[in-house]
C-alpha atoms as a PDB file:
ATOM      1  CA  MET A   1       0.000   0.000   0.000  1.00  0.00           C
ATOM      2  CA  ALA A   2       1.089   3.524  -0.754  1.00  0.00           C
ATOM      3  CA  GLN A   3      -0.305   6.868   0.263  1.00  0.00           C
ATOM      4  CA  PHE A   4      -1.725   9.115  -2.473  1.00  0.00           C
ATOM      5  CA  PHE A   5      -2.948  12.699  -2.254  1.00  0.00           C
ATOM      6  CA  PHE A   6      -5.706  14.195  -4.416  1.00  0.00           C
ATOM      7  CA  ASP A   7      -5.429  17.962  -4.857  1.00  0.00           C
ATOM      8  CA  LEU A   8      -8.334  19.816  -6.493  1.00  0.00           C
ATOM      9  CA  GLN A   9      -7.457  22.528  -9.003  1.00  0.00           C
ATOM     10  CA  GLU A  10     -10.343  24.777  -9.969  1.00  0.00           C
ATOM     11  CA  ASP A  11     -10.710  28.408 -11.068  1.00  0.00           C
ATOM     12  CA  GLY A  12      -6.995  29.103 -10.686  1.00  0.00           C
ATOM     13  CA  SER A  13      -6.732  27.855  -7.112  1.00  0.00           C
ATOM     14  CA  VAL A  14      -5.613  24.546  -5.632  1.00  0.00           C
ATOM     15  CA  LEU A  15      -7.155  22.846  -2.615  1.00  0.00           C
ATOM     16  CA  LEU A  16      -4.463  20.584  -1.159  1.00  0.00           C
ATOM     17  CA  ASP A  17      -5.286  17.145   0.218  1.00  0.00           C
ATOM     18  CA  ARG A  18      -3.357  16.994   3.476  1.00  0.00           C
ATOM     19  CA  GLU A  19      -4.639  13.590   4.645  1.00  0.00           C
ATOM     20  CA  GLY A  20      -4.180  11.303   1.654  1.00  0.00           C
ATOM     21  CA  VAL A  21      -5.548   7.818   1.050  1.00  0.00           C
ATOM     22  CA  ASP A  22      -3.804   4.455   1.192  1.00  0.00           C
ATOM     23  CA  LEU A  23      -4.214   2.584  -2.107  1.00  0.00           C
ATOM     24  CA  ALA A  24      -2.604  -0.438  -3.716  1.00  0.00           C
ATOM     25  CA  ASP A  25      -0.966   1.345  -6.650  1.00  0.00           C
ATOM     26  CA  ALA A  26      -1.041   4.240  -9.143  1.00  0.00           C
ATOM     27  CA  GLN A  27      -3.754   2.530 -11.192  1.00  0.00           C
ATOM     28  CA  GLN A  28      -6.082   2.580  -8.173  1.00  0.00           C
ATOM     29  CA  ALA A  29      -5.138   6.224  -7.572  1.00  0.00           C
ATOM     30  CA  GLU A  30      -6.087   7.094 -11.158  1.00  0.00           C
ATOM     31  CA  LEU A  31      -9.464   5.379 -10.738  1.00  0.00           C
ATOM     32  CA  LYS A  32     -10.092   7.290  -7.491  1.00  0.00           C
ATOM     33  CA  ALA A  33      -9.174  10.577  -9.217  1.00  0.00           C
ATOM     34  CA  TRP A  34     -11.728   9.897 -11.978  1.00  0.00           C
ATOM     35  CA  GLN A  35     -14.389   8.987  -9.424  1.00  0.00           C
ATOM     36  CA  THR A  36     -13.669  12.149  -7.431  1.00  0.00           C
ATOM     37  CA  ALA A  37     -13.859  14.412 -10.504  1.00  0.00           C
ATOM     38  CA  CYS A  38     -17.158  12.813 -11.578  1.00  0.00           C
ATOM     39  CA  ASP A  39     -18.622  13.146  -8.073  1.00  0.00           C
ATOM     40  CA  ILE A  40     -17.722  16.854  -7.959  1.00  0.00           C
ATOM     41  CA  ALA A  41     -19.293  17.428 -11.387  1.00  0.00           C
ATOM     42  CA  LYS A  42     -22.437  15.531 -10.364  1.00  0.00           C
ATOM     43  CA  ASP A  43     -22.758  17.503  -7.112  1.00  0.00           C
ATOM     44  CA  ASN A  44     -22.653  20.751  -9.120  1.00  0.00           C
ATOM     45  CA  ALA A  45     -24.938  19.693 -11.964  1.00  0.00           C
ATOM     46  CA  GLY A  46     -26.730  23.058 -12.076  1.00  0.00           C
ATOM     47  CA  GLN A  47     -23.742  24.786 -13.644  1.00  0.00           C
ATOM     48  CA  ARG A  48     -23.655  25.211 -17.433  1.00  0.00           C
ATOM     49  CA  SER A  49     -19.924  24.584 -17.662  1.00  0.00           C
ATOM     50  CA  ARG A  50     -17.406  22.990 -15.351  1.00  0.00           C
ATOM     51  CA  SER A  51     -13.704  22.214 -15.460  1.00  0.00           C
ATOM     52  CA  ILE A  52     -12.251  20.044 -12.707  1.00  0.00           C
ATOM     53  CA  LYS A  53      -8.660  18.894 -12.405  1.00  0.00           C
ATOM     54  CA  ILE A  54      -7.459  16.386  -9.825  1.00  0.00           C
ATOM     55  CA  LEU A  55      -3.694  16.355  -9.290  1.00  0.00           C
ATOM     56  CA  VAL A  56      -2.545  13.034  -7.861  1.00  0.00           C
ATOM     57  CA  ARG A  57       0.718  12.835  -5.964  1.00  0.00           C
ATOM     58  CA  ASP A  58       2.503  10.354  -3.804  1.00  0.00           C
ATOM     59  CA  GLN A  59       4.828  11.352  -0.970  1.00  0.00           C
ATOM     60  CA  HIS A  60       7.544  12.285  -3.484  1.00  0.00           C
ATOM     61  CA  ALA A  61       5.945  14.098  -6.431  1.00  0.00           C
ATOM     62  CA  GLU A  62       2.909  14.537  -8.670  1.00  0.00           C
ATOM     63  CA  ILE A  63       2.357  11.325 -10.623  1.00  0.00           C
ATOM     64  CA  LEU A  64      -0.694  12.096 -12.758  1.00  0.00           C
ATOM     65  CA  ALA A  65      -3.565  14.494 -13.329  1.00  0.00           C
ATOM     66  CA  VAL A  66      -7.162  13.844 -14.328  1.00  0.00           C
ATOM     67  CA  GLU A  67      -9.068  16.681 -15.973  1.00  0.00           C
ATOM     68  CA  LEU A  68     -12.812  16.630 -16.573  1.00  0.00           C
ATOM     69  CA  ASN A  69     -14.514  19.332 -18.663  1.00  0.00           C
ATOM     70  CA  ALA A  70     -18.293  19.374 -18.936  1.00  0.00           C
ATOM     71  CA  THR A  71     -20.561  21.796 -20.784  1.00  0.00           C
ATOM     72  CA  VAL A  72     -24.315  21.835 -21.223  1.00  0.00           C
ATOM     73  CA  LEU A  73     -25.168  22.259 -24.906  1.00  0.00           C
ATOM     74  CA  ALA A  74     -28.724  23.460 -25.494  1.00  0.00           C
ATOM     75  CA  LYS A  75     -30.538  22.125 -28.581  1.00  0.00           C
ATOM     76  CA  ARG A  76     -33.117  24.673 -29.732  1.00  0.00           C
END
């Protein structure tokens, strides 16, 4: 098990994860990052456009980033 941190980058600011989560490997960390980004988007479904970036790091450095961009497109 390794400890991974999931920092949220949004609107030019970063919210640092100071607690972290123990996961088996980087693949599990990537899955958790995707789940987190989707949960944030779902919780804010009333917005017309949303860009969410999750920066994943271990105790040494950033290892990956997941970015989710969602826009409501009206058909009229």
